């Protein structure tokens, strides 16, 4: 398993620019869904609760959680998984994209 890191070539980029590393990480199957489910929870989610919420299989969830933890976006606690400070910061930055998508969805064109 290769975890995307800034400065290291990633899928779609030989340069390893930070934004390309982030897009590679977030573009992996279920990665955004995991972040989304953790952002909606008002408490830590256990592995099983997160598996059910993200509608994914245990092997894939385990792989994505490891990648997201090593990337600093998710943290593991005794009671389950939570977004880290970096993960919360990222989701705040993605909020305008969510707003744009909601507006786009109601565009009559």
PDB file of N, CA and C in Angstrom:
ATOM      1  N   UNK A   1       0.852  -1.172   0.000  1.00  0.00           N
ATOM      2  CA  UNK A   1       0.000   0.000   0.000  1.00  0.00           C
ATOM      3  C   UNK A   1       0.901   1.240   0.000  1.00  0.00           C
ATOM      4  N   UNK A   2       0.687   2.096  -0.978  1.00  0.00           N
ATOM      5  CA  UNK A   2       1.419   3.344  -1.053  1.00  0.00           C
ATOM      6  C   UNK A   2       0.496   4.481  -0.642  1.00  0.00           C
ATOM      7  N   UNK A   3       0.907   5.220   0.342  1.00  0.00           N
ATOM      8  CA  UNK A   3       0.105   6.339   0.823  1.00  0.00           C
ATOM      9  C   UNK A   3       0.596   7.603   0.142  1.00  0.00           C
ATOM     10  N   UNK A   4      -0.306   8.353  -0.512  1.00  0.00           N
ATOM     11  CA  UNK A   4       0.109   9.576  -1.187  1.00  0.00           C
ATOM     12  C   UNK A   4       0.741  10.565  -0.215  1.00  0.00           C
ATOM     13  N   UNK A   5       1.892  11.099  -0.622  1.00  0.00           N
ATOM     14  CA  UNK A   5       2.590  12.082   0.205  1.00  0.00           C
ATOM     15  C   UNK A   5       3.079  13.212  -0.691  1.00  0.00           C
ATOM     16  N   UNK A   6       2.967  14.438  -0.229  1.00  0.00           N
ATOM     17  CA  UNK A   6       3.504  15.556  -1.001  1.00  0.00           C
ATOM     18  C   UNK A   6       4.995  15.349  -1.268  1.00  0.00           C
ATOM     19  N   UNK A   7       5.397  15.692  -2.499  1.00  0.00           N
ATOM     20  CA  UNK A   7       6.798  15.562  -2.873  1.00  0.00           C
ATOM     21  C   UNK A   7       7.155  14.223  -3.482  1.00  0.00           C
ATOM     22  N   UNK A   8       6.217  13.275  -3.444  1.00  0.00           N
ATOM     23  CA  UNK A   8       6.440  11.947  -4.001  1.00  0.00           C
ATOM     24  C   UNK A   8       5.448  11.761  -5.147  1.00  0.00           C
ATOM     25  N   UNK A   9       5.897  11.292  -6.312  1.00  0.00           N
ATOM     26  CA  UNK A   9       4.964  11.088  -7.419  1.00  0.00           C
ATOM     27  C   UNK A   9       3.766  10.228  -6.999  1.00  0.00           C
ATOM     28  N   UNK A  10       2.591  10.631  -7.485  1.00  0.00           N
ATOM     29  CA  UNK A  10       1.347   9.929  -7.171  1.00  0.00           C
ATOM     30  C   UNK A  10       0.609   9.640  -8.475  1.00  0.00           C
ATOM     31  N   UNK A  11      -0.501   8.912  -8.359  1.00  0.00           N
ATOM     32  CA  UNK A  11      -1.308   8.644  -9.555  1.00  0.00           C
ATOM     33  C   UNK A  11      -1.643   9.959 -10.241  1.00  0.00           C
ATOM     34  N   UNK A  12      -1.383  10.030 -11.525  1.00  0.00           N
ATOM     35  CA  UNK A  12      -1.748  11.209 -12.291  1.00  0.00           C
ATOM     36  C   UNK A  12      -0.775  12.365 -12.206  1.00  0.00           C
ATOM     37  N   UNK A  13       0.331  12.204 -11.485  1.00  0.00           N
ATOM     38  CA  UNK A  13       1.295  13.302 -11.349  1.00  0.00           C
ATOM     39  C   UNK A  13       2.688  12.755 -11.083  1.00  0.00           C
ATOM     40  N   UNK A  14       3.606  13.163 -11.907  1.00  0.00           N
ATOM     41  CA  UNK A  14       4.997  12.771 -11.679  1.00  0.00           C
ATOM     42  C   UNK A  14       5.697  13.742 -10.737  1.00  0.00           C
ATOM     43  N   UNK A  15       5.056  14.880 -10.469  1.00  0.00           N
ATOM     44  CA  UNK A  15       5.695  15.914  -9.660  1.00  0.00           C
ATOM     45  C   UNK A  15       5.516  15.696  -8.167  1.00  0.00           C
ATOM     46  N   UNK A  16       4.415  15.075  -7.772  1.00  0.00           N
ATOM     47  CA  UNK A  16       4.149  14.914  -6.346  1.00  0.00           C
ATOM     48  C   UNK A  16       3.740  16.214  -5.673  1.00  0.00           C
ATOM     49  N   UNK A  17       3.179  17.126  -6.456  1.00  0.00           N
ATOM     50  CA  UNK A  17       2.701  18.379  -5.860  1.00  0.00           C
ATOM     51  C   UNK A  17       1.705  18.060  -4.743  1.00  0.00           C
ATOM     52  N   UNK A  18       1.718  18.849  -3.688  1.00  0.00           N
ATOM     53  CA  UNK A  18       0.833  18.561  -2.553  1.00  0.00           C
ATOM     54  C   UNK A  18      -0.633  18.398  -2.943  1.00  0.00           C
ATOM     55  N   UNK A  19      -1.137  19.250  -3.815  1.00  0.00           N
ATOM     56  CA  UNK A  19      -2.550  19.142  -4.190  1.00  0.00           C
ATOM     57  C   UNK A  19      -2.816  17.828  -4.930  1.00  0.00           C
ATOM     58  N   UNK A  20      -1.861  17.354  -5.713  1.00  0.00           N
ATOM     59  CA  UNK A  20      -2.052  16.089  -6.421  1.00  0.00           C
ATOM     60  C   UNK A  20      -2.032  14.909  -5.446  1.00  0.00           C
ATOM     61  N   UNK A  21      -1.182  14.992  -4.440  1.00  0.00           N
ATOM     62  CA  UNK A  21      -1.161  13.944  -3.413  1.00  0.00           C
ATOM     63  C   UNK A  21      -2.489  13.914  -2.662  1.00  0.00           C
ATOM     64  N   UNK A  22      -3.019  15.093  -2.332  1.00  0.00           N
ATOM     65  CA  UNK A  22      -4.307  15.164  -1.640  1.00  0.00           C
ATOM     66  C   UNK A  22      -5.418  14.604  -2.515  1.00  0.00           C
ATOM     67  N   UNK A  23      -5.450  14.993  -3.781  1.00  0.00           N
ATOM     68  CA  UNK A  23      -6.496  14.497  -4.675  1.00  0.00           C
ATOM     69  C   UNK A  23      -6.388  12.983  -4.864  1.00  0.00           C
ATOM     70  N   UNK A  24      -5.184  12.463  -4.899  1.00  0.00           N
ATOM     71  CA  UNK A  24      -5.009  11.011  -4.996  1.00  0.00           C
ATOM     72  C   UNK A  24      -5.588  10.332  -3.753  1.00  0.00           C
ATOM     73  N   UNK A  25      -5.263  10.860  -2.590  1.00  0.00           N
ATOM     74  CA  UNK A  25      -5.772  10.285  -1.341  1.00  0.00           C
ATOM     75  C   UNK A  25      -7.295  10.352  -1.277  1.00  0.00           C
ATOM     76  N   UNK A  26      -7.849  11.525  -1.548  1.00  0.00           N
ATOM     77  CA  UNK A  26      -9.296  11.702  -1.447  1.00  0.00           C
ATOM     78  C   UNK A  26     -10.053  10.980  -2.553  1.00  0.00           C
ATOM     79  N   UNK A  27      -9.380  10.723  -3.672  1.00  0.00           N
ATOM     80  CA  UNK A  27     -10.018  10.042  -4.785  1.00  0.00           C
ATOM     81  C   UNK A  27     -10.064   8.534  -4.648  1.00  0.00           C
ATOM     82  N   UNK A  28      -9.479   8.019  -3.625  1.00  0.00           N
ATOM     83  CA  UNK A  28      -9.517   6.568  -3.414  1.00  0.00           C
ATOM     84  C   UNK A  28     -10.904   6.146  -2.932  1.00  0.00           C
ATOM     85  N   UNK A  29     -11.296   4.990  -3.387  1.00  0.00           N
ATOM     86  CA  UNK A  29     -12.643   4.498  -3.088  1.00  0.00           C
ATOM     87  C   UNK A  29     -12.948   4.554  -1.594  1.00  0.00           C
ATOM     88  N   UNK A  30     -14.035   5.155  -1.257  1.00  0.00           N
ATOM     89  CA  UNK A  30     -14.617   5.333   0.076  1.00  0.00           C
ATOM     90  C   UNK A  30     -13.884   6.324   0.982  1.00  0.00           C
ATOM     91  N   UNK A  31     -12.773   6.902   0.557  1.00  0.00           N
ATOM     92  CA  UNK A  31     -12.041   7.827   1.433  1.00  0.00           C
ATOM     93  C   UNK A  31     -12.903   9.026   1.818  1.00  0.00           C
ATOM     94  N   UNK A  32     -13.516   9.671   0.829  1.00  0.00           N
ATOM     95  CA  UNK A  32     -14.370  10.821   1.140  1.00  0.00           C
ATOM     96  C   UNK A  32     -15.590  10.401   1.950  1.00  0.00           C
ATOM     97  N   UNK A  33     -16.118   9.228   1.668  1.00  0.00           N
ATOM     98  CA  UNK A  33     -17.291   8.753   2.415  1.00  0.00           C
ATOM     99  C   UNK A  33     -16.946   8.562   3.894  1.00  0.00           C
ATOM    100  N   UNK A  34     -15.768   8.036   4.165  1.00  0.00           N
ATOM    101  CA  UNK A  34     -15.332   7.853   5.545  1.00  0.00           C
ATOM    102  C   UNK A  34     -15.211   9.207   6.234  1.00  0.00           C
ATOM    103  N   UNK A  35     -14.575  10.152   5.585  1.00  0.00           N
ATOM    104  CA  UNK A  35     -14.441  11.495   6.159  1.00  0.00           C
ATOM    105  C   UNK A  35     -15.814  12.114   6.390  1.00  0.00           C
ATOM    106  N   UNK A  36     -16.711  11.943   5.427  1.00  0.00           N
ATOM    107  CA  UNK A  36     -18.065  12.492   5.544  1.00  0.00           C
ATOM    108  C   UNK A  36     -18.795  11.893   6.752  1.00  0.00           C
ATOM    109  N   UNK A  37     -18.748  10.583   6.882  1.00  0.00           N
ATOM    110  CA  UNK A  37     -19.443   9.933   7.999  1.00  0.00           C
ATOM    111  C   UNK A  37     -18.857  10.356   9.342  1.00  0.00           C
ATOM    112  N   UNK A  38     -17.544  10.484   9.417  1.00  0.00           N
ATOM    113  CA  UNK A  38     -16.924  10.942  10.665  1.00  0.00           C
ATOM    114  C   UNK A  38     -17.297  12.393  10.965  1.00  0.00           C
ATOM    115  N   UNK A  39     -17.460  13.198   9.928  1.00  0.00           N
ATOM    116  CA  UNK A  39     -17.814  14.606  10.144  1.00  0.00           C
ATOM    117  C   UNK A  39     -19.236  14.762  10.658  1.00  0.00           C
ATOM    118  N   UNK A  40     -20.101  13.823  10.316  1.00  0.00           N
ATOM    119  CA  UNK A  40     -21.503  13.897  10.729  1.00  0.00           C
ATOM    120  C   UNK A  40     -21.733  13.373  12.137  1.00  0.00           C
ATOM    121  N   UNK A  41     -20.800  12.595  12.638  1.00  0.00           N
ATOM    122  CA  UNK A  41     -20.961  11.966  13.955  1.00  0.00           C
ATOM    123  C   UNK A  41     -20.581  12.956  15.056  1.00  0.00           C
ATOM    124  N   UNK A  42     -21.350  12.964  16.121  1.00  0.00           N
ATOM    125  CA  UNK A  42     -21.038  13.837  17.256  1.00  0.00           C
ATOM    126  C   UNK A  42     -20.201  13.107  18.311  1.00  0.00           C
ATOM    127  N   UNK A  43     -19.749  11.918  17.963  1.00  0.00           N
ATOM    128  CA  UNK A  43     -18.912  11.111  18.848  1.00  0.00           C
ATOM    129  C   UNK A  43     -18.032  10.215  17.975  1.00  0.00           C
ATOM    130  N   UNK A  44     -17.095   9.543  18.595  1.00  0.00           N
ATOM    131  CA  UNK A  44     -16.235   8.621  17.845  1.00  0.00           C
ATOM    132  C   UNK A  44     -17.077   7.472  17.300  1.00  0.00           C
ATOM    133  N   UNK A  45     -16.696   6.976  16.136  1.00  0.00           N
ATOM    134  CA  UNK A  45     -17.389   5.833  15.551  1.00  0.00           C
ATOM    135  C   UNK A  45     -16.505   4.591  15.659  1.00  0.00           C
ATOM    136  N   UNK A  46     -17.088   3.513  16.119  1.00  0.00           N
ATOM    137  CA  UNK A  46     -16.364   2.254  16.158  1.00  0.00           C
ATOM    138  C   UNK A  46     -16.154   1.766  14.723  1.00  0.00           C
ATOM    139  N   UNK A  47     -15.288   0.792  14.569  1.00  0.00           N
ATOM    140  CA  UNK A  47     -15.032   0.240  13.248  1.00  0.00           C
ATOM    141  C   UNK A  47     -16.330  -0.265  12.622  1.00  0.00           C
ATOM    142  N   UNK A  48     -17.112  -1.014  13.396  1.00  0.00           N
ATOM    143  CA  UNK A  48     -18.369  -1.569  12.868  1.00  0.00           C
ATOM    144  C   UNK A  48     -19.369  -0.478  12.512  1.00  0.00           C
ATOM    145  N   UNK A  49     -19.490   0.530  13.353  1.00  0.00           N
ATOM    146  CA  UNK A  49     -20.420   1.621  13.058  1.00  0.00           C
ATOM    147  C   UNK A  49     -19.994   2.362  11.796  1.00  0.00           C
ATOM    148  N   UNK A  50     -18.698   2.564  11.650  1.00  0.00           N
ATOM    149  CA  UNK A  50     -18.183   3.241  10.465  1.00  0.00           C
ATOM    150  C   UNK A  50     -18.352   2.366   9.224  1.00  0.00           C
ATOM    151  N   UNK A  51     -18.155   1.080   9.378  1.00  0.00           N
ATOM    152  CA  UNK A  51     -18.355   0.153   8.259  1.00  0.00           C
ATOM    153  C   UNK A  51     -19.801   0.202   7.785  1.00  0.00           C
ATOM    154  N   UNK A  52     -20.728   0.203   8.720  1.00  0.00           N
ATOM    155  CA  UNK A  52     -22.147   0.257   8.373  1.00  0.00           C
ATOM    156  C   UNK A  52     -22.501   1.601   7.728  1.00  0.00           C
ATOM    157  N   UNK A  53     -22.026   2.686   8.311  1.00  0.00           N
ATOM    158  CA  UNK A  53     -22.347   4.016   7.789  1.00  0.00           C
ATOM    159  C   UNK A  53     -21.748   4.238   6.407  1.00  0.00           C
ATOM    160  N   UNK A  54     -20.533   3.775   6.193  1.00  0.00           N
ATOM    161  CA  UNK A  54     -19.849   3.982   4.916  1.00  0.00           C
ATOM    162  C   UNK A  54     -20.220   2.926   3.881  1.00  0.00           C
ATOM    163  N   UNK A  55     -20.967   1.917   4.310  1.00  0.00           N
ATOM    164  CA  UNK A  55     -21.412   0.850   3.422  1.00  0.00           C
ATOM    165  C   UNK A  55     -20.243   0.243   2.637  1.00  0.00           C
ATOM    166  N   UNK A  56     -19.252  -0.229   3.363  1.00  0.00           N
ATOM    167  CA  UNK A  56     -18.074  -0.809   2.729  1.00  0.00           C
ATOM    168  C   UNK A  56     -17.663  -2.081   3.434  1.00  0.00           C
ATOM    169  N   UNK A  57     -16.765  -2.815   2.812  1.00  0.00           N
ATOM    170  CA  UNK A  57     -16.326  -4.072   3.412  1.00  0.00           C
ATOM    171  C   UNK A  57     -15.178  -3.816   4.395  1.00  0.00           C
ATOM    172  N   UNK A  58     -14.963  -4.728   5.332  1.00  0.00           N
ATOM    173  CA  UNK A  58     -13.965  -4.504   6.385  1.00  0.00           C
ATOM    174  C   UNK A  58     -12.534  -4.331   5.865  1.00  0.00           C
ATOM    175  N   UNK A  59     -12.157  -5.079   4.843  1.00  0.00           N
ATOM    176  CA  UNK A  59     -10.781  -4.988   4.333  1.00  0.00           C
ATOM    177  C   UNK A  59     -10.514  -3.606   3.739  1.00  0.00           C
ATOM    178  N   UNK A  60     -11.448  -3.115   2.934  1.00  0.00           N
ATOM    179  CA  UNK A  60     -11.273  -1.795   2.331  1.00  0.00           C
ATOM    180  C   UNK A  60     -11.301  -0.704   3.396  1.00  0.00           C
ATOM    181  N   UNK A  61     -12.223  -0.808   4.342  1.00  0.00           N
ATOM    182  CA  UNK A  61     -12.293   0.183   5.413  1.00  0.00           C
ATOM    183  C   UNK A  61     -10.997   0.212   6.211  1.00  0.00           C
ATOM    184  N   UNK A  62     -10.466  -0.943   6.522  1.00  0.00           N
ATOM    185  CA  UNK A  62      -9.211  -1.021   7.270  1.00  0.00           C
ATOM    186  C   UNK A  62      -8.076  -0.337   6.507  1.00  0.00           C
ATOM    187  N   UNK A  63      -8.001  -0.595   5.206  1.00  0.00           N
ATOM    188  CA  UNK A  63      -6.961   0.022   4.371  1.00  0.00           C
ATOM    189  C   UNK A  63      -7.114   1.534   4.341  1.00  0.00           C
ATOM    190  N   UNK A  64      -8.330   2.024   4.095  1.00  0.00           N
ATOM    191  CA  UNK A  64      -8.549   3.476   4.021  1.00  0.00           C
ATOM    192  C   UNK A  64      -8.302   4.151   5.370  1.00  0.00           C
ATOM    193  N   UNK A  65      -8.738   3.524   6.442  1.00  0.00           N
ATOM    194  CA  UNK A  65      -8.497   4.116   7.760  1.00  0.00           C
ATOM    195  C   UNK A  65      -7.003   4.230   8.031  1.00  0.00           C
ATOM    196  N   UNK A  66      -6.261   3.225   7.647  1.00  0.00           N
ATOM    197  CA  UNK A  66      -4.808   3.275   7.844  1.00  0.00           C
ATOM    198  C   UNK A  66      -4.217   4.431   7.046  1.00  0.00           C
ATOM    199  N   UNK A  67      -4.621   4.571   5.789  1.00  0.00           N
ATOM    200  CA  UNK A  67      -4.121   5.664   4.951  1.00  0.00           C
ATOM    201  C   UNK A  67      -4.504   7.020   5.529  1.00  0.00           C
ATOM    202  N   UNK A  68      -5.748   7.152   5.945  1.00  0.00           N
ATOM    203  CA  UNK A  68      -6.220   8.432   6.483  1.00  0.00           C
ATOM    204  C   UNK A  68      -5.566   8.755   7.825  1.00  0.00           C
ATOM    205  N   UNK A  69      -5.297   7.735   8.628  1.00  0.00           N
ATOM    206  CA  UNK A  69      -4.593   7.950   9.900  1.00  0.00           C
ATOM    207  C   UNK A  69      -3.150   8.368   9.645  1.00  0.00           C
ATOM    208  N   UNK A  70      -2.460   7.654   8.756  1.00  0.00           N
ATOM    209  CA  UNK A  70      -1.067   7.985   8.472  1.00  0.00           C
ATOM    210  C   UNK A  70      -0.924   9.339   7.780  1.00  0.00           C
ATOM    211  N   UNK A  71      -1.985   9.780   7.122  1.00  0.00           N
ATOM    212  CA  UNK A  71      -1.988  11.102   6.480  1.00  0.00           C
ATOM    213  C   UNK A  71      -2.369  12.207   7.460  1.00  0.00           C
ATOM    214  N   UNK A  72      -2.767  11.830   8.665  1.00  0.00           N
ATOM    215  CA  UNK A  72      -3.085  12.814   9.691  1.00  0.00           C
ATOM    216  C   UNK A  72      -4.492  13.360   9.645  1.00  0.00           C
ATOM    217  N   UNK A  73      -5.389  12.731   8.880  1.00  0.00           N
ATOM    218  CA  UNK A  73      -6.756  13.237   8.770  1.00  0.00           C
ATOM    219  C   UNK A  73      -7.722  12.576   9.742  1.00  0.00           C
ATOM    220  N   UNK A  74      -7.398  11.377  10.189  1.00  0.00           N
ATOM    221  CA  UNK A  74      -8.251  10.618  11.105  1.00  0.00           C
ATOM    222  C   UNK A  74      -7.391  10.157  12.272  1.00  0.00           C
ATOM    223  N   UNK A  75      -7.991  10.141  13.449  1.00  0.00           N
ATOM    224  CA  UNK A  75      -7.279   9.631  14.618  1.00  0.00           C
ATOM    225  C   UNK A  75      -8.097   8.506  15.248  1.00  0.00           C
ATOM    226  N   UNK A  76      -7.381   7.601  15.878  1.00  0.00           N
ATOM    227  CA  UNK A  76      -8.022   6.456  16.535  1.00  0.00           C
ATOM    228  C   UNK A  76      -7.948   6.670  18.037  1.00  0.00           C
ATOM    229  N   UNK A  77      -9.063   6.435  18.700  1.00  0.00           N
ATOM    230  CA  UNK A  77      -9.163   6.591  20.147  1.00  0.00           C
ATOM    231  C   UNK A  77      -9.695   5.293  20.738  1.00  0.00           C
ATOM    232  N   UNK A  78      -9.710   5.208  22.030  1.00  0.00           N
ATOM    233  CA  UNK A  78     -10.202   3.997  22.694  1.00  0.00           C
ATOM    234  C   UNK A  78     -11.652   3.703  22.319  1.00  0.00           C
ATOM    235  N   UNK A  79     -12.442   4.766  22.073  1.00  0.00           N
ATOM    236  CA  UNK A  79     -13.857   4.584  21.758  1.00  0.00           C
ATOM    237  C   UNK A  79     -14.151   4.572  20.255  1.00  0.00           C
ATOM    238  N   UNK A  80     -13.132   4.664  19.407  1.00  0.00           N
ATOM    239  CA  UNK A  80     -13.370   4.600  17.965  1.00  0.00           C
ATOM    240  C   UNK A  80     -12.542   5.602  17.184  1.00  0.00           C
ATOM    241  N   UNK A  81     -13.051   5.979  16.027  1.00  0.00           N
ATOM    242  CA  UNK A  81     -12.346   6.876  15.115  1.00  0.00           C
ATOM    243  C   UNK A  81     -13.011   8.240  15.082  1.00  0.00           C
ATOM    244  N   UNK A  82     -12.173   9.264  14.943  1.00  0.00           N
ATOM    245  CA  UNK A  82     -12.639  10.650  14.835  1.00  0.00           C
ATOM    246  C   UNK A  82     -11.786  11.360  13.793  1.00  0.00           C
ATOM    247  N   UNK A  83     -12.316  12.471  13.307  1.00  0.00           N
ATOM    248  CA  UNK A  83     -11.488  13.331  12.483  1.00  0.00           C
ATOM    249  C   UNK A  83     -10.441  13.980  13.371  1.00  0.00           C
ATOM    250  N   UNK A  84      -9.244  14.098  12.872  1.00  0.00           N
ATOM    251  CA  UNK A  84      -8.200  14.821  13.596  1.00  0.00           C
ATOM    252  C   UNK A  84      -8.404  16.312  13.366  1.00  0.00           C
ATOM    253  N   UNK A  85      -7.577  17.128  13.992  1.00  0.00           N
ATOM    254  CA  UNK A  85      -7.649  18.575  13.761  1.00  0.00           C
ATOM    255  C   UNK A  85      -7.428  18.885  12.282  1.00  0.00           C
ATOM    256  N   UNK A  86      -6.484  18.174  11.645  1.00  0.00           N
ATOM    257  CA  UNK A  86      -6.230  18.364  10.208  1.00  0.00           C
ATOM    258  C   UNK A  86      -7.446  17.936   9.394  1.00  0.00           C
ATOM    259  N   UNK A  87      -8.086  16.858   9.779  1.00  0.00           N
ATOM    260  CA  UNK A  87      -9.282  16.393   9.077  1.00  0.00           C
ATOM    261  C   UNK A  87     -10.419  17.389   9.183  1.00  0.00           C
ATOM    262  N   UNK A  88     -10.611  17.953  10.368  1.00  0.00           N
ATOM    263  CA  UNK A  88     -11.641  18.979  10.559  1.00  0.00           C
ATOM    264  C   UNK A  88     -11.331  20.218   9.725  1.00  0.00           C
ATOM    265  N   UNK A  89     -10.060  20.587   9.684  1.00  0.00           N
ATOM    266  CA  UNK A  89      -9.640  21.741   8.884  1.00  0.00           C
ATOM    267  C   UNK A  89      -9.929  21.502   7.400  1.00  0.00           C
ATOM    268  N   UNK A  90      -9.626  20.307   6.925  1.00  0.00           N
ATOM    269  CA  UNK A  90      -9.882  19.973   5.528  1.00  0.00           C
ATOM    270  C   UNK A  90     -11.371  20.065   5.214  1.00  0.00           C
ATOM    271  N   UNK A  91     -12.210  19.532   6.084  1.00  0.00           N
ATOM    272  CA  UNK A  91     -13.650  19.564   5.813  1.00  0.00           C
ATOM    273  C   UNK A  91     -14.200  20.987   5.817  1.00  0.00           C
ATOM    274  N   UNK A  92     -13.647  21.853   6.637  1.00  0.00           N
ATOM    275  CA  UNK A  92     -14.066  23.266   6.601  1.00  0.00           C
ATOM    276  C   UNK A  92     -13.701  23.890   5.259  1.00  0.00           C
ATOM    277  N   UNK A  93     -12.547  23.505   4.732  1.00  0.00           N
ATOM    278  CA  UNK A  93     -12.126  24.030   3.433  1.00  0.00           C
ATOM    279  C   UNK A  93     -12.967  23.469   2.286  1.00  0.00           C
ATOM    280  N   UNK A  94     -13.517  22.276   2.469  1.00  0.00           N
ATOM    281  CA  UNK A  94     -14.369  21.677   1.443  1.00  0.00           C
ATOM    282  C   UNK A  94     -15.810  22.174   1.492  1.00  0.00           C
ATOM    283  N   UNK A  95     -16.190  22.860   2.569  1.00  0.00           N
ATOM    284  CA  UNK A  95     -17.569  23.344   2.722  1.00  0.00           C
ATOM    285  C   UNK A  95     -18.028  24.204   1.539  1.00  0.00           C
ATOM    286  N   UNK A  96     -17.206  25.127   1.017  1.00  0.00           N
ATOM    287  CA  UNK A  96     -17.661  25.895  -0.153  1.00  0.00           C
ATOM    288  C   UNK A  96     -17.927  25.006  -1.372  1.00  0.00           C
ATOM    289  N   UNK A  97     -17.208  23.916  -1.500  1.00  0.00           N
ATOM    290  CA  UNK A  97     -17.453  22.988  -2.595  1.00  0.00           C
ATOM    291  C   UNK A  97     -18.820  22.323  -2.428  1.00  0.00           C
ATOM    292  N   UNK A  98     -19.170  21.983  -1.206  1.00  0.00           N
ATOM    293  CA  UNK A  98     -20.484  21.411  -0.922  1.00  0.00           C
ATOM    294  C   UNK A  98     -21.566  22.429  -1.271  1.00  0.00           C
ATOM    295  N   UNK A  99     -21.365  23.683  -0.873  1.00  0.00           N
ATOM    296  CA  UNK A  99     -22.327  24.742  -1.198  1.00  0.00           C
ATOM    297  C   UNK A  99     -22.489  24.873  -2.711  1.00  0.00           C
ATOM    298  N   UNK A 100     -21.362  24.885  -3.423  1.00  0.00           N
ATOM    299  CA  UNK A 100     -21.409  25.009  -4.875  1.00  0.00           C
ATOM    300  C   UNK A 100     -22.163  23.833  -5.481  1.00  0.00           C
ATOM    301  N   UNK A 101     -21.906  22.618  -5.012  1.00  0.00           N
ATOM    302  CA  UNK A 101     -22.568  21.426  -5.544  1.00  0.00           C
ATOM    303  C   UNK A 101     -24.067  21.479  -5.306  1.00  0.00           C
ATOM    304  N   UNK A 102     -24.483  21.966  -4.133  1.00  0.00           N
ATOM    305  CA  UNK A 102     -25.917  22.087  -3.845  1.00  0.00           C
ATOM    306  C   UNK A 102     -26.576  23.100  -4.770  1.00  0.00           C
ATOM    307  N   UNK A 103     -25.888  24.196  -5.032  1.00  0.00           N
ATOM    308  CA  UNK A 103     -26.410  25.194  -5.963  1.00  0.00           C
ATOM    309  C   UNK A 103     -26.473  24.620  -7.378  1.00  0.00           C
ATOM    310  N   UNK A 104     -25.441  23.919  -7.767  1.00  0.00           N
ATOM    311  CA  UNK A 104     -25.382  23.285  -9.081  1.00  0.00           C
ATOM    312  C   UNK A 104     -26.520  22.293  -9.273  1.00  0.00           C
ATOM    313  N   UNK A 105     -26.855  21.581  -8.196  1.00  0.00           N
ATOM    314  CA  UNK A 105     -27.923  20.576  -8.271  1.00  0.00           C
ATOM    315  C   UNK A 105     -29.290  21.201  -8.523  1.00  0.00           C
ATOM    316  N   UNK A 106     -29.468  22.451  -8.157  1.00  0.00           N
ATOM    317  CA  UNK A 106     -30.757  23.110  -8.346  1.00  0.00           C
ATOM    318  C   UNK A 106     -30.793  23.988  -9.583  1.00  0.00           C
ATOM    319  N   UNK A 107     -29.692  24.045 -10.314  1.00  0.00           N
ATOM    320  CA  UNK A 107     -29.625  24.834 -11.545  1.00  0.00           C
ATOM    321  C   UNK A 107     -30.531  24.184 -12.595  1.00  0.00           C
ATOM    322  N   UNK A 108     -31.493  24.955 -13.170  1.00  0.00           N
ATOM    323  CA  UNK A 108     -32.448  24.355 -14.121  1.00  0.00           C
ATOM    324  C   UNK A 108     -31.845  23.954 -15.469  1.00  0.00           C
ATOM    325  N   UNK A 109     -30.616  24.310 -15.760  1.00  0.00           N
ATOM    326  CA  UNK A 109     -30.038  23.969 -17.072  1.00  0.00           C
ATOM    327  C   UNK A 109     -29.756  22.547 -17.157  1.00  0.00           C
TER     328      UNK A 109
END
